[in-house]
Amino acid sequence: MAGQYWIETLGCPKNEVDSDKLVGTLTADGMVRADSPEDADLVVVNTCAFIEDARQESINTVLELSDRADDARVVVTGCMAERYGDELAEALPEVHSVAGFGVPVTLGKKPEKPLPSFDLLNLPRPASSRPWAYVKVAEGCDRNCGFCAIPTFRGPQRSRTHESILDEVRQLDAQEIVLVAQDLAAFGRDQGQGTRSIVPLIGEVRELVERVRLLYLYPSDLTEELIEAILQTGVPYFDLSLQHVSRPLMRRMRRWGDGERFLERIERIRSLEPEASFRSNFIVGYPGETEEDHDALLDFVEQAQLDWCGFFAYSKEDGTYAADLDGEVAPELMTERLRELTEMQDSITAYRRDMLIGETVNVLVDEPGIGRTHREAPEIDGIVQVPTDLAVGEFHSVEIASAIGPDLVAEGASAEDAS
């Protein structure tokens, strides 16, 4: 009987792509997916190490699955394995092996000699089981943001070829492709060499699928050409990595921009496409953040009226520029600032969702009863509740009847599918 595997994925969409690549490898080796961790011969935990909360969640998940899968070989991979491999191996005796990026996971006794590495970024993966799929176009990052340790363990940016990406898109056979990378707009220009080619890539992918969505764009790279390329995909969705808006604090973050510049770009996009949707994330409590900085962020959130926002408490990361900065913000003050921002954004999101009541929208049905318009990225934003008889994997025109927080409810669906 073929061995059975179970893969648990934590963290960002880029980790989900890596797990898909592992699934492809394990399947090629003759293994099959287990119904549960308890049934598995091999349990793989693909970890996240971005901030402290993510690392703790990764450790808790490893311990829980180790208990549930007594007879399985437990392998830890992903960002924590790459960043803290030796420490994890020593601290977690329950784990059979800790495998960093590009190390194959195999069933059986741990080999005495190091296993040969392989190119995880370009491994084949199975067709998508959903109408949408993430596609990672590059690995690593060439930036030096003050708070981020990703370049220390993911390495410098390494872009894939257009051909390998397009081959993967065809293999996935999905209606919507979500392009991801640590620095998506810099695709094609690695370590200062080459030419950014995200715009032609968007057009090439768009020829193969109905929807192309982009996640994680640095605002400094949001050129007129890139804006136009995104608008032509039919998915006017802009996920902008802003992090803060106070100019002095942005300099301490080693980031480009400020609130005024960001508002100008958002207003420019809305002038071109009033239906454009926006998401961003912000760090609260970065060293040196003053009340004036916090007030500037509150003002920006109120003025920008973004559809979606995430707010995260600053996490001190070893090896980063910010780790040695003065001006530490007290945890209780961070908590209060997070509360203020979250309450404001929840109201804005609810208002923007209420504005859609009575509108006819085009949804892609992801699973029975659940669809998404261009405004909702999968697994991140709200959803559209649709009649359960609408075909999965197809587009439909529906009318929005009500809103429940971030989610919309559609009733009286059109009998005609959206073109």
Foldseek 3Di string as FASTA:
>chain_A
DAFEEAEAEDDDQVRVLLVQLLVVVSVVVVYYYDPDLQRGQEYEYAADDWFPVRVVVSVVVQVVSLVSHVNHAYEYEHDCCQPPVVVCVVVCVSHQHYDYAQAHDDGDHDDPDGGDGDDSLLRAGAAAPWQEGEREFWWADDDAFQQGPRCVRRNWIDGDDLVSRLVNLVRNNHQEYEYDYQEQQQHQQTPNDGDRDNLVSLVVSLVVHLAYHYAEYEPVSCDPSNQVSNVVRLQLEEEYADQFADPVVCVVRVGDHHLVVVLVVLVVSCVVPVPHAYEYEYEFFQAPQDPVRLVRRVVSCVVSLHLYYHYYYRHQDPPGNSNPDHRGDDPVVSVVSNVVNVVVNLVSNQVVQQVQAFPKFKWAAGAFQWTDGSRDDPPPFEIEGEHRPDDHSFIWIFGFHGDDRRYTYTPDTDPDGDD
